[in-house]
C-alpha atoms as a PDB file:
ATOM      1  CA  UNK A   1      -1.264 141.210  88.124  1.00  0.00           C
ATOM      2  CA  UNK A   2      -1.861 138.437  90.617  1.00  0.00           C
ATOM      3  CA  UNK A   3      -2.059 135.799  87.853  1.00  0.00           C
ATOM      4  CA  UNK A   4       1.263 136.891  86.389  1.00  0.00           C
ATOM      5  CA  UNK A   5       2.930 136.611  89.797  1.00  0.00           C
ATOM      6  CA  UNK A   6       1.670 133.042  90.265  1.00  0.00           C
ATOM      7  CA  UNK A   7       2.863 132.022  86.763  1.00  0.00           C
ATOM      8  CA  UNK A   8       6.336 133.532  87.322  1.00  0.00           C
ATOM      9  CA  UNK A   9       7.895 130.589  89.325  1.00  0.00           C
ATOM     10  CA  UNK A  10       6.829 128.063  86.700  1.00  0.00           C
ATOM     11  CA  UNK A  11       8.521 130.008  83.958  1.00  0.00           C
ATOM     12  CA  UNK A  12      11.673 130.397  86.032  1.00  0.00           C
ATOM     13  CA  UNK A  13      11.833 126.655  86.689  1.00  0.00           C
ATOM     14  CA  UNK A  14      11.415 125.901  82.984  1.00  0.00           C
ATOM     15  CA  UNK A  15      14.171 128.289  82.111  1.00  0.00           C
ATOM     16  CA  UNK A  16      16.506 126.699  84.689  1.00  0.00           C
ATOM     17  CA  UNK A  17      15.827 123.232  83.251  1.00  0.00           C
ATOM     18  CA  UNK A  18      16.677 124.423  79.726  1.00  0.00           C
ATOM     19  CA  UNK A  19      19.874 126.104  80.894  1.00  0.00           C
ATOM     20  CA  UNK A  20      20.925 122.898  82.771  1.00  0.00           C
ATOM     21  CA  UNK A  21      20.382 120.771  79.651  1.00  0.00           C
ATOM     22  CA  UNK A  22      22.499 123.148  77.590  1.00  0.00           C
ATOM     23  CA  UNK A  23      25.350 122.946  80.125  1.00  0.00           C
ATOM     24  CA  UNK A  24      25.255 119.099  80.169  1.00  0.00           C
ATOM     25  CA  UNK A  25      25.369 119.022  76.356  1.00  0.00           C
ATOM     26  CA  UNK A  26      28.355 121.320  76.257  1.00  0.00           C
ATOM     27  CA  UNK A  27      30.208 119.191  78.854  1.00  0.00           C
ATOM     28  CA  UNK A  28      29.551 115.949  76.935  1.00  0.00           C
ATOM     29  CA  UNK A  29      30.772 117.526  73.692  1.00  0.00           C
ATOM     30  CA  UNK A  30      33.963 118.747  75.392  1.00  0.00           C
ATOM     31  CA  UNK A  31      34.632 115.307  76.865  1.00  0.00           C
ATOM     32  CA  UNK A  32      34.516 113.626  73.459  1.00  0.00           C
ATOM     33  CA  UNK A  33      37.313 115.822  72.125  1.00  0.00           C
ATOM     34  CA  UNK A  34      39.600 115.458  75.190  1.00  0.00           C
ATOM     35  CA  UNK A  35      43.110 113.881  74.902  1.00  0.00           C
ATOM     36  CA  UNK A  36      42.867 110.372  76.463  1.00  0.00           C
ATOM     37  CA  UNK A  37      46.293 110.817  78.065  1.00  0.00           C
ATOM     38  CA  UNK A  38      44.883 113.596  80.187  1.00  0.00           C
ATOM     39  CA  UNK A  39      42.079 111.462  81.558  1.00  0.00           C
ATOM     40  CA  UNK A  40      42.639 110.435  85.174  1.00  0.00           C
ATOM     41  CA  UNK A  41      40.864 107.331  86.409  1.00  0.00           C
ATOM     42  CA  UNK A  42      40.415 107.008  90.147  1.00  0.00           C
ATOM     43  CA  UNK A  43      40.640 103.387  91.165  1.00  0.00           C
ATOM     44  CA  UNK A  44      38.933 101.897  94.181  1.00  0.00           C
ATOM     45  CA  UNK A  45      41.175 101.800  97.224  1.00  0.00           C
ATOM     46  CA  UNK A  46      41.362  98.019  97.098  1.00  0.00           C
ATOM     47  CA  UNK A  47      42.910  98.054  93.589  1.00  0.00           C
ATOM     48  CA  UNK A  48      45.164 101.122  93.744  1.00  0.00           C
ATOM     49  CA  UNK A  49      48.934 100.569  93.422  1.00  0.00           C
ATOM     50  CA  UNK A  50      52.085 102.678  93.532  1.00  0.00           C
ATOM     51  CA  UNK A  51      54.593 102.855  90.671  1.00  0.00           C
ATOM     52  CA  UNK A  52      58.142 103.770  91.708  1.00  0.00           C
ATOM     53  CA  UNK A  53      59.957 106.306  89.571  1.00  0.00           C
ATOM     54  CA  UNK A  54      62.838 105.048  87.387  1.00  0.00           C
ATOM     55  CA  UNK A  55      64.241 108.508  86.765  1.00  0.00           C
ATOM     56  CA  UNK A  56      66.626 108.414  89.724  1.00  0.00           C
ATOM     57  CA  UNK A  57      69.919 106.465  89.465  1.00  0.00           C
ATOM     58  CA  UNK A  58      69.815 102.993  91.041  1.00  0.00           C
ATOM     59  CA  UNK A  59      72.164 102.206  93.878  1.00  0.00           C
ATOM     60  CA  UNK A  60      75.254 100.254  92.739  1.00  0.00           C
ATOM     61  CA  UNK A  61      75.350  96.563  93.640  1.00  0.00           C
ATOM     62  CA  UNK A  62      78.463  94.697  94.665  1.00  0.00           C
ATOM     63  CA  UNK A  63      79.535  92.114  92.097  1.00  0.00           C
ATOM     64  CA  UNK A  64      82.138  89.361  92.248  1.00  0.00           C
ATOM     65  CA  UNK A  65      84.895  88.870  89.681  1.00  0.00           C
ATOM     66  CA  UNK A  66      85.501  85.336  90.877  1.00  0.00           C
ATOM     67  CA  UNK A  67      85.001  82.437  88.513  1.00  0.00           C
ATOM     68  CA  UNK A  68      81.614  80.740  88.641  1.00  0.00           C
ATOM     69  CA  UNK A  69      81.151  78.231  91.438  1.00  0.00           C
ATOM     70  CA  UNK A  70      81.006  74.653  90.169  1.00  0.00           C
ATOM     71  CA  UNK A  71      81.178  71.077  91.418  1.00  0.00           C
ATOM     72  CA  UNK A  72      84.449  69.195  90.891  1.00  0.00           C
ATOM     73  CA  UNK A  73      85.349  67.147  87.845  1.00  0.00           C
ATOM     74  CA  UNK A  74      85.042  63.471  88.775  1.00  0.00           C
ATOM     75  CA  UNK A  75      88.102  62.282  86.842  1.00  0.00           C
ATOM     76  CA  UNK A  76      90.290  65.339  87.447  1.00  0.00           C
ATOM     77  CA  UNK A  77      93.943  64.617  88.126  1.00  0.00           C
ATOM     78  CA  UNK A  78      95.399  65.392  91.569  1.00  0.00           C
ATOM     79  CA  UNK A  79      97.408  68.592  91.946  1.00  0.00           C
ATOM     80  CA  UNK A  80     101.191  68.804  92.268  1.00  0.00           C
ATOM     81  CA  UNK A  81     103.877  71.463  92.038  1.00  0.00           C
ATOM     82  CA  UNK A  82     107.552  70.660  92.374  1.00  0.00           C
ATOM     83  CA  UNK A  83     110.592  72.825  92.921  1.00  0.00           C
ATOM     84  CA  UNK A  84     113.262  70.373  91.768  1.00  0.00           C
ATOM     85  CA  UNK A  85     111.639  66.974  91.311  1.00  0.00           C
ATOM     86  CA  UNK A  86     112.037  66.035  94.971  1.00  0.00           C
ATOM     87  CA  UNK A  87     110.563  68.952  96.942  1.00  0.00           C
ATOM     88  CA  UNK A  88     106.885  69.274  96.088  1.00  0.00           C
ATOM     89  CA  UNK A  89     103.383  70.087  97.320  1.00  0.00           C
ATOM     90  CA  UNK A  90     100.458  67.799  96.494  1.00  0.00           C
ATOM     91  CA  UNK A  91      96.682  68.052  96.954  1.00  0.00           C
ATOM     92  CA  UNK A  92      93.363  66.633  95.839  1.00  0.00           C
ATOM     93  CA  UNK A  93      91.592  68.800  93.295  1.00  0.00           C
ATOM     94  CA  UNK A  94      87.974  69.867  93.561  1.00  0.00           C
ATOM     95  CA  UNK A  95      85.222  71.119  95.823  1.00  0.00           C
ATOM     96  CA  UNK A  96      84.192  67.836  97.404  1.00  0.00           C
ATOM     97  CA  UNK A  97      86.083  65.803  99.943  1.00  0.00           C
ATOM     98  CA  UNK A  98      89.291  66.600 101.789  1.00  0.00           C
ATOM     99  CA  UNK A  99      92.022  68.640 100.032  1.00  0.00           C
ATOM    100  CA  UNK A 100      94.640  66.321 101.573  1.00  0.00           C
ATOM    101  CA  UNK A 101      97.334  68.976 101.229  1.00  0.00           C
ATOM    102  CA  UNK A 102     100.756  67.390 101.657  1.00  0.00           C
ATOM    103  CA  UNK A 103     104.435  68.165 101.205  1.00  0.00           C
ATOM    104  CA  UNK A 104     107.413  65.987 100.285  1.00  0.00           C
ATOM    105  CA  UNK A 105     111.174  66.455 100.147  1.00  0.00           C
ATOM    106  CA  UNK A 106     112.034  63.067  98.655  1.00  0.00           C
ATOM    107  CA  UNK A 107     110.020  62.962  95.450  1.00  0.00           C
ATOM    108  CA  UNK A 108     106.899  61.605  97.111  1.00  0.00           C
ATOM    109  CA  UNK A 109     108.475  58.558  98.728  1.00  0.00           C
ATOM    110  CA  UNK A 110     107.262  60.038 102.018  1.00  0.00           C
ATOM    111  CA  UNK A 111     104.897  62.937 102.632  1.00  0.00           C
ATOM    112  CA  UNK A 112     103.854  65.142 105.540  1.00  0.00           C
ATOM    113  CA  UNK A 113     100.381  66.642 105.971  1.00  0.00           C
ATOM    114  CA  UNK A 114      99.887  70.398 105.829  1.00  0.00           C
ATOM    115  CA  UNK A 115      96.964  72.324 107.268  1.00  0.00           C
ATOM    116  CA  UNK A 116      95.017  73.571 104.265  1.00  0.00           C
ATOM    117  CA  UNK A 117      93.914  77.229 104.313  1.00  0.00           C
ATOM    118  CA  UNK A 118      90.510  76.332 102.864  1.00  0.00           C
ATOM    119  CA  UNK A 119      88.140  73.336 102.770  1.00  0.00           C
ATOM    120  CA  UNK A 120      89.047  72.656  99.122  1.00  0.00           C
ATOM    121  CA  UNK A 121      91.954  73.262  96.744  1.00  0.00           C
ATOM    122  CA  UNK A 122      91.788  74.162  93.042  1.00  0.00           C
ATOM    123  CA  UNK A 123      95.437  74.885  92.289  1.00  0.00           C
ATOM    124  CA  UNK A 124      98.882  74.526  93.917  1.00  0.00           C
ATOM    125  CA  UNK A 125     102.140  76.313  93.028  1.00  0.00           C
ATOM    126  CA  UNK A 126     105.386  75.909  94.964  1.00  0.00           C
ATOM    127  CA  UNK A 127     108.230  78.291  94.076  1.00  0.00           C
ATOM    128  CA  UNK A 128     110.835  77.209  96.629  1.00  0.00           C
ATOM    129  CA  UNK A 129     111.131  75.197  99.830  1.00  0.00           C
ATOM    130  CA  UNK A 130     109.086  77.675 101.879  1.00  0.00           C
ATOM    131  CA  UNK A 131     106.985  79.694  99.435  1.00  0.00           C
ATOM    132  CA  UNK A 132     103.727  78.159  98.205  1.00  0.00           C
ATOM    133  CA  UNK A 133     100.493  79.621  96.916  1.00  0.00           C
ATOM    134  CA  UNK A 134      97.196  77.892  96.378  1.00  0.00           C
ATOM    135  CA  UNK A 135      93.739  78.685  95.108  1.00  0.00           C
ATOM    136  CA  UNK A 136      91.478  77.508  97.890  1.00  0.00           C
ATOM    137  CA  UNK A 137      87.700  77.291  97.849  1.00  0.00           C
ATOM    138  CA  UNK A 138      85.009  77.431 100.498  1.00  0.00           C
ATOM    139  CA  UNK A 139      81.984  75.156 100.884  1.00  0.00           C
ATOM    140  CA  UNK A 140      80.262  76.895  97.957  1.00  0.00           C
ATOM    141  CA  UNK A 141      83.384  76.534  95.778  1.00  0.00           C
ATOM    142  CA  UNK A 142      84.128  80.269  95.805  1.00  0.00           C
ATOM    143  CA  UNK A 143      87.893  80.635  95.207  1.00  0.00           C
ATOM    144  CA  UNK A 144      90.442  82.643  97.204  1.00  0.00           C
ATOM    145  CA  UNK A 145      94.176  83.137  96.721  1.00  0.00           C
ATOM    146  CA  UNK A 146      96.289  82.018  99.710  1.00  0.00           C
ATOM    147  CA  UNK A 147     100.051  82.141 100.183  1.00  0.00           C
ATOM    148  CA  UNK A 148     102.606  80.986 102.731  1.00  0.00           C
ATOM    149  CA  UNK A 149     106.241  81.910 103.327  1.00  0.00           C
ATOM    150  CA  UNK A 150     106.928  79.277 105.971  1.00  0.00           C
ATOM    151  CA  UNK A 151     106.232  76.047 104.132  1.00  0.00           C
ATOM    152  CA  UNK A 152     102.534  75.931 104.944  1.00  0.00           C
ATOM    153  CA  UNK A 153     102.618  76.532 108.688  1.00  0.00           C
ATOM    154  CA  UNK A 154     100.657  79.752 108.303  1.00  0.00           C
ATOM    155  CA  UNK A 155      98.646  81.167 105.389  1.00  0.00           C
ATOM    156  CA  UNK A 156      97.577  84.641 104.268  1.00  0.00           C
ATOM    157  CA  UNK A 157      94.517  85.341 102.102  1.00  0.00           C
ATOM    158  CA  UNK A 158      94.728  87.909  99.311  1.00  0.00           C
ATOM    159  CA  UNK A 159      91.989  90.392  98.518  1.00  0.00           C
ATOM    160  CA  UNK A 160      91.739  89.233  94.903  1.00  0.00           C
ATOM    161  CA  UNK A 161      92.613  86.239  92.760  1.00  0.00           C
ATOM    162  CA  UNK A 162      95.098  88.159  90.660  1.00  0.00           C
ATOM    163  CA  UNK A 163      96.076  87.150  87.133  1.00  0.00           C
ATOM    164  CA  UNK A 164      96.115  83.394  87.535  1.00  0.00           C
ATOM    165  CA  UNK A 165      94.951  80.288  85.701  1.00  0.00           C
ATOM    166  CA  UNK A 166      92.364  78.153  87.496  1.00  0.00           C
ATOM    167  CA  UNK A 167      90.825  74.910  86.326  1.00  0.00           C
ATOM    168  CA  UNK A 168      87.045  74.766  86.738  1.00  0.00           C
ATOM    169  CA  UNK A 169      84.551  72.103  85.617  1.00  0.00           C
ATOM    170  CA  UNK A 170      82.951  74.688  83.353  1.00  0.00           C
ATOM    171  CA  UNK A 171      86.251  75.651  81.737  1.00  0.00           C
ATOM    172  CA  UNK A 172      89.446  77.522  82.533  1.00  0.00           C
ATOM    173  CA  UNK A 173      89.612  80.859  84.336  1.00  0.00           C
ATOM    174  CA  UNK A 174      92.380  82.707  82.478  1.00  0.00           C
ATOM    175  CA  UNK A 175      94.727  85.461  83.713  1.00  0.00           C
ATOM    176  CA  UNK A 176      92.543  87.896  81.728  1.00  0.00           C
ATOM    177  CA  UNK A 177      89.657  87.058  84.045  1.00  0.00           C
ATOM    178  CA  UNK A 178      87.734  85.295  81.273  1.00  0.00           C
ATOM    179  CA  UNK A 179      86.257  81.813  81.191  1.00  0.00           C
ATOM    180  CA  UNK A 180      87.695  79.762  78.342  1.00  0.00           C
ATOM    181  CA  UNK A 181      86.465  76.324  77.263  1.00  0.00           C
ATOM    182  CA  UNK A 182      89.323  74.315  75.750  1.00  0.00           C
ATOM    183  CA  UNK A 183      87.392  71.049  75.985  1.00  0.00           C
ATOM    184  CA  UNK A 184      84.184  72.436  74.498  1.00  0.00           C
ATOM    185  CA  UNK A 185      80.903  71.851  76.283  1.00  0.00           C
ATOM    186  CA  UNK A 186      81.505  68.229  77.225  1.00  0.00           C
ATOM    187  CA  UNK A 187      80.689  67.590  80.904  1.00  0.00           C
ATOM    188  CA  UNK A 188      83.642  66.563  83.049  1.00  0.00           C
ATOM    189  CA  UNK A 189      85.848  66.689  79.959  1.00  0.00           C
ATOM    190  CA  UNK A 190      88.637  68.688  81.568  1.00  0.00           C
ATOM    191  CA  UNK A 191      91.153  66.572  83.467  1.00  0.00           C
ATOM    192  CA  UNK A 192      94.205  68.747  84.129  1.00  0.00           C
ATOM    193  CA  UNK A 193      95.542  72.259  83.609  1.00  0.00           C
ATOM    194  CA  UNK A 194      99.237  73.123  83.280  1.00  0.00           C
ATOM    195  CA  UNK A 195     100.037  76.754  82.484  1.00  0.00           C
ATOM    196  CA  UNK A 196     103.406  78.347  81.794  1.00  0.00           C
ATOM    197  CA  UNK A 197     103.258  82.105  82.188  1.00  0.00           C
ATOM    198  CA  UNK A 198     100.215  84.169  81.263  1.00  0.00           C
ATOM    199  CA  UNK A 199      99.972  83.084  77.611  1.00  0.00           C
ATOM    200  CA  UNK A 200     100.874  79.386  77.336  1.00  0.00           C
ATOM    201  CA  UNK A 201      98.988  76.474  78.842  1.00  0.00           C
ATOM    202  CA  UNK A 202      98.186  72.810  78.337  1.00  0.00           C
ATOM    203  CA  UNK A 203      94.787  71.379  79.181  1.00  0.00           C
ATOM    204  CA  UNK A 204      94.159  67.649  79.253  1.00  0.00           C
ATOM    205  CA  UNK A 205      90.682  66.890  77.941  1.00  0.00           C
ATOM    206  CA  UNK A 206      89.024  63.491  78.076  1.00  0.00           C
ATOM    207  CA  UNK A 207      89.864  62.867  74.422  1.00  0.00           C
ATOM    208  CA  UNK A 208      92.871  65.074  73.618  1.00  0.00           C
ATOM    209  CA  UNK A 209      95.624  67.409  74.752  1.00  0.00           C
ATOM    210  CA  UNK A 210      94.867  71.070  74.013  1.00  0.00           C
ATOM    211  CA  UNK A 211      97.222  74.047  73.973  1.00  0.00           C
ATOM    212  CA  UNK A 212      96.891  77.828  73.948  1.00  0.00           C
ATOM    213  CA  UNK A 213      99.612  80.369  73.286  1.00  0.00           C
ATOM    214  CA  UNK A 214      97.428  83.479  73.531  1.00  0.00           C
ATOM    215  CA  UNK A 215      96.110  83.337  77.072  1.00  0.00           C
ATOM    216  CA  UNK A 216      93.125  81.110  76.355  1.00  0.00           C
ATOM    217  CA  UNK A 217      91.623  83.114  73.485  1.00  0.00           C
ATOM    218  CA  UNK A 218      91.942  80.042  71.275  1.00  0.00           C
ATOM    219  CA  UNK A 219      93.012  76.419  71.655  1.00  0.00           C
ATOM    220  CA  UNK A 220      94.384  73.795  69.300  1.00  0.00           C
ATOM    221  CA  UNK A 221      94.846  70.048  69.597  1.00  0.00           C
ATOM    222  CA  UNK A 222      98.397  68.855  70.223  1.00  0.00           C
ATOM    223  CA  UNK A 223      99.199  66.060  67.797  1.00  0.00           C
ATOM    224  CA  UNK A 224     101.990  63.519  67.423  1.00  0.00           C
ATOM    225  CA  UNK A 225     101.428  61.725  70.727  1.00  0.00           C
ATOM    226  CA  UNK A 226     101.894  57.935  70.806  1.00  0.00           C
ATOM    227  CA  UNK A 227      98.825  55.716  70.918  1.00  0.00           C
ATOM    228  CA  UNK A 228      96.924  55.658  74.187  1.00  0.00           C
ATOM    229  CA  UNK A 229      94.730  57.974  76.243  1.00  0.00           C
ATOM    230  CA  UNK A 230      96.314  61.023  77.792  1.00  0.00           C
ATOM    231  CA  UNK A 231      95.633  61.337  81.528  1.00  0.00           C
ATOM    232  CA  UNK A 232      98.003  64.107  82.619  1.00  0.00           C
ATOM    233  CA  UNK A 233     100.569  66.598  81.337  1.00  0.00           C
ATOM    234  CA  UNK A 234     102.891  69.314  82.583  1.00  0.00           C
ATOM    235  CA  UNK A 235     104.233  72.312  80.644  1.00  0.00           C
ATOM    236  CA  UNK A 236     107.292  74.386  81.598  1.00  0.00           C
ATOM    237  CA  UNK A 237     108.746  77.601  80.215  1.00  0.00           C
ATOM    238  CA  UNK A 238     110.273  77.328  76.758  1.00  0.00           C
ATOM    239  CA  UNK A 239     108.093  74.417  75.657  1.00  0.00           C
ATOM    240  CA  UNK A 240     109.562  71.680  77.840  1.00  0.00           C
ATOM    241  CA  UNK A 241     106.727  69.304  78.730  1.00  0.00           C
ATOM    242  CA  UNK A 242     105.843  65.752  79.705  1.00  0.00           C
ATOM    243  CA  UNK A 243     102.640  63.797  79.142  1.00  0.00           C
ATOM    244  CA  UNK A 244     101.319  60.576  80.683  1.00  0.00           C
ATOM    245  CA  UNK A 245      99.260  58.097  78.660  1.00  0.00           C
ATOM    246  CA  UNK A 246      97.383  54.982  79.694  1.00  0.00           C
ATOM    247  CA  UNK A 247      96.597  52.069  77.380  1.00  0.00           C
ATOM    248  CA  UNK A 248      99.696  52.697  75.275  1.00  0.00           C
ATOM    249  CA  UNK A 249     100.844  49.813  73.150  1.00  0.00           C
ATOM    250  CA  UNK A 250     103.078  47.438  75.141  1.00  0.00           C
ATOM    251  CA  UNK A 251     102.728  49.382  78.419  1.00  0.00           C
ATOM    252  CA  UNK A 252     100.587  48.075  81.274  1.00  0.00           C
ATOM    253  CA  UNK A 253     101.144  51.178  83.408  1.00  0.00           C
ATOM    254  CA  UNK A 254     101.712  54.737  82.227  1.00  0.00           C
ATOM    255  CA  UNK A 255     103.809  55.787  79.265  1.00  0.00           C
ATOM    256  CA  UNK A 256     105.617  59.063  79.971  1.00  0.00           C
ATOM    257  CA  UNK A 257     106.667  61.008  76.874  1.00  0.00           C
ATOM    258  CA  UNK A 258     108.598  64.267  76.623  1.00  0.00           C
ATOM    259  CA  UNK A 259     108.840  67.250  74.290  1.00  0.00           C
ATOM    260  CA  UNK A 260     111.157  70.254  74.082  1.00  0.00           C
ATOM    261  CA  UNK A 261     108.930  72.340  71.805  1.00  0.00           C
ATOM    262  CA  UNK A 262     105.455  72.233  73.402  1.00  0.00           C
ATOM    263  CA  UNK A 263     104.366  69.141  71.497  1.00  0.00           C
ATOM    264  CA  UNK A 264     105.955  69.741  68.124  1.00  0.00           C
ATOM    265  CA  UNK A 265     107.795  66.448  68.574  1.00  0.00           C
ATOM    266  CA  UNK A 266     107.468  63.790  71.288  1.00  0.00           C
ATOM    267  CA  UNK A 267     109.990  61.244  72.531  1.00  0.00           C
ATOM    268  CA  UNK A 268     109.269  57.516  72.330  1.00  0.00           C
ATOM    269  CA  UNK A 269     108.761  57.621  76.075  1.00  0.00           C
ATOM    270  CA  UNK A 270     109.350  55.334  79.025  1.00  0.00           C
ATOM    271  CA  UNK A 271     106.842  52.855  80.414  1.00  0.00           C
ATOM    272  CA  UNK A 272     106.434  53.023  84.188  1.00  0.00           C
ATOM    273  CA  UNK A 273     104.431  49.885  84.900  1.00  0.00           C
ATOM    274  CA  UNK A 274     103.542  50.614  88.516  1.00  0.00           C
ATOM    275  CA  UNK A 275     102.097  54.076  87.947  1.00  0.00           C
ATOM    276  CA  UNK A 276      98.305  54.394  87.883  1.00  0.00           C
ATOM    277  CA  UNK A 277      96.192  56.706  85.707  1.00  0.00           C
ATOM    278  CA  UNK A 278      95.637  58.945  88.748  1.00  0.00           C
ATOM    279  CA  UNK A 279      99.364  59.771  88.932  1.00  0.00           C
ATOM    280  CA  UNK A 280     100.559  63.322  89.433  1.00  0.00           C
ATOM    281  CA  UNK A 281     103.041  64.620  86.873  1.00  0.00           C
ATOM    282  CA  UNK A 282     105.157  67.783  87.059  1.00  0.00           C
ATOM    283  CA  UNK A 283     108.140  69.223  85.195  1.00  0.00           C
ATOM    284  CA  UNK A 284     110.170  72.333  86.057  1.00  0.00           C
ATOM    285  CA  UNK A 285     111.849  74.965  83.905  1.00  0.00           C
ATOM    286  CA  UNK A 286     115.191  73.379  84.844  1.00  0.00           C
ATOM    287  CA  UNK A 287     114.104  69.996  83.476  1.00  0.00           C
ATOM    288  CA  UNK A 288     113.663  68.240  86.817  1.00  0.00           C
ATOM    289  CA  UNK A 289     110.366  66.488  87.387  1.00  0.00           C
ATOM    290  CA  UNK A 290     108.182  64.144  89.391  1.00  0.00           C
ATOM    291  CA  UNK A 291     105.634  61.430  88.620  1.00  0.00           C
ATOM    292  CA  UNK A 292     103.891  59.677  91.488  1.00  0.00           C
ATOM    293  CA  UNK A 293     100.862  57.557  92.423  1.00  0.00           C
ATOM    294  CA  UNK A 294      99.872  55.430  95.409  1.00  0.00           C
ATOM    295  CA  UNK A 295     103.198  55.887  97.153  1.00  0.00           C
ATOM    296  CA  UNK A 296     105.264  55.001  94.070  1.00  0.00           C
ATOM    297  CA  UNK A 297     107.370  57.887  92.762  1.00  0.00           C
ATOM    298  CA  UNK A 298     109.759  58.554  89.902  1.00  0.00           C
ATOM    299  CA  UNK A 299     111.974  61.570  89.249  1.00  0.00           C
ATOM    300  CA  UNK A 300     113.689  62.965  86.188  1.00  0.00           C
ATOM    301  CA  UNK A 301     116.595  65.352  85.707  1.00  0.00           C
ATOM    302  CA  UNK A 302     116.659  65.433  81.891  1.00  0.00           C
ATOM    303  CA  UNK A 303     113.283  67.021  81.097  1.00  0.00           C
ATOM    304  CA  UNK A 304     111.394  63.738  81.162  1.00  0.00           C
ATOM    305  CA  UNK A 305     113.456  61.740  78.686  1.00  0.00           C
ATOM    306  CA  UNK A 306     114.310  59.220  81.421  1.00  0.00           C
ATOM    307  CA  UNK A 307     112.895  58.422  84.851  1.00  0.00           C
ATOM    308  CA  UNK A 308     114.243  56.647  87.933  1.00  0.00           C
ATOM    309  CA  UNK A 309     112.632  55.531  91.171  1.00  0.00           C
ATOM    310  CA  UNK A 310     112.700  58.120  93.947  1.00  0.00           C
ATOM    311  CA  UNK A 311     114.948  57.147  96.871  1.00  0.00           C
END
């Protein structure tokens, strides 16, 4: 009896060892058949990271519908808008340098400075002696619509650009809010923009005159112009337009030509020898117009078929 009691603990220990080995084997077998996606790996604290859930809706971000900011076109024509060929507003185009916003009542023979509503100007439109609107731009070339009802003494900023045409170095911002590229991808190829309503517009490119009649969805080259390089153009309602060309045969200044059907046919034109390629050119729906550079100005009252020196 005593011997059996002494041998009892040894047997118990052996049985416990066997049972333990069986349990380990069963656990190992179960682990081999487990779905890997259910395995959780605990990383050391130094390498743990947190993943944010994407199931919740993100907060909305404020976006701008303004045209893309861009530097100015080096050879862009100055801006002008005239009421009747004598009353007009003029400015430098672009986002570098002074806007030099000015007004005239004698066709540009004399001008008076206006306080610009913004550091830079991208477009000018004058509708009568006192009402003017401009597209101004800040130091980053972000555009804003400004208007005045007192001839430029005070200005009001609008909350949006509205449905307007704006010339940008990267293309043309159309009334549809789209960016159109009438001059293709050529750098600094766009010289001047002259729209008439929301569908029709002329754009002077470095090598051609382009026209749209569908709000900038497509553009075509205007043909039939005399020899020379086009440097500016102005389009009015109904297809009345004028264009200025340098280097025209027999003309040492600018040759101004006119059309009554948006470029379907052009007049022989008139050579204005003392106008420079940087001249401003504008025509109105009534057929009055202005062409001016370096203090020399000409006006027309017959839709650009003839020009005379401003008084």
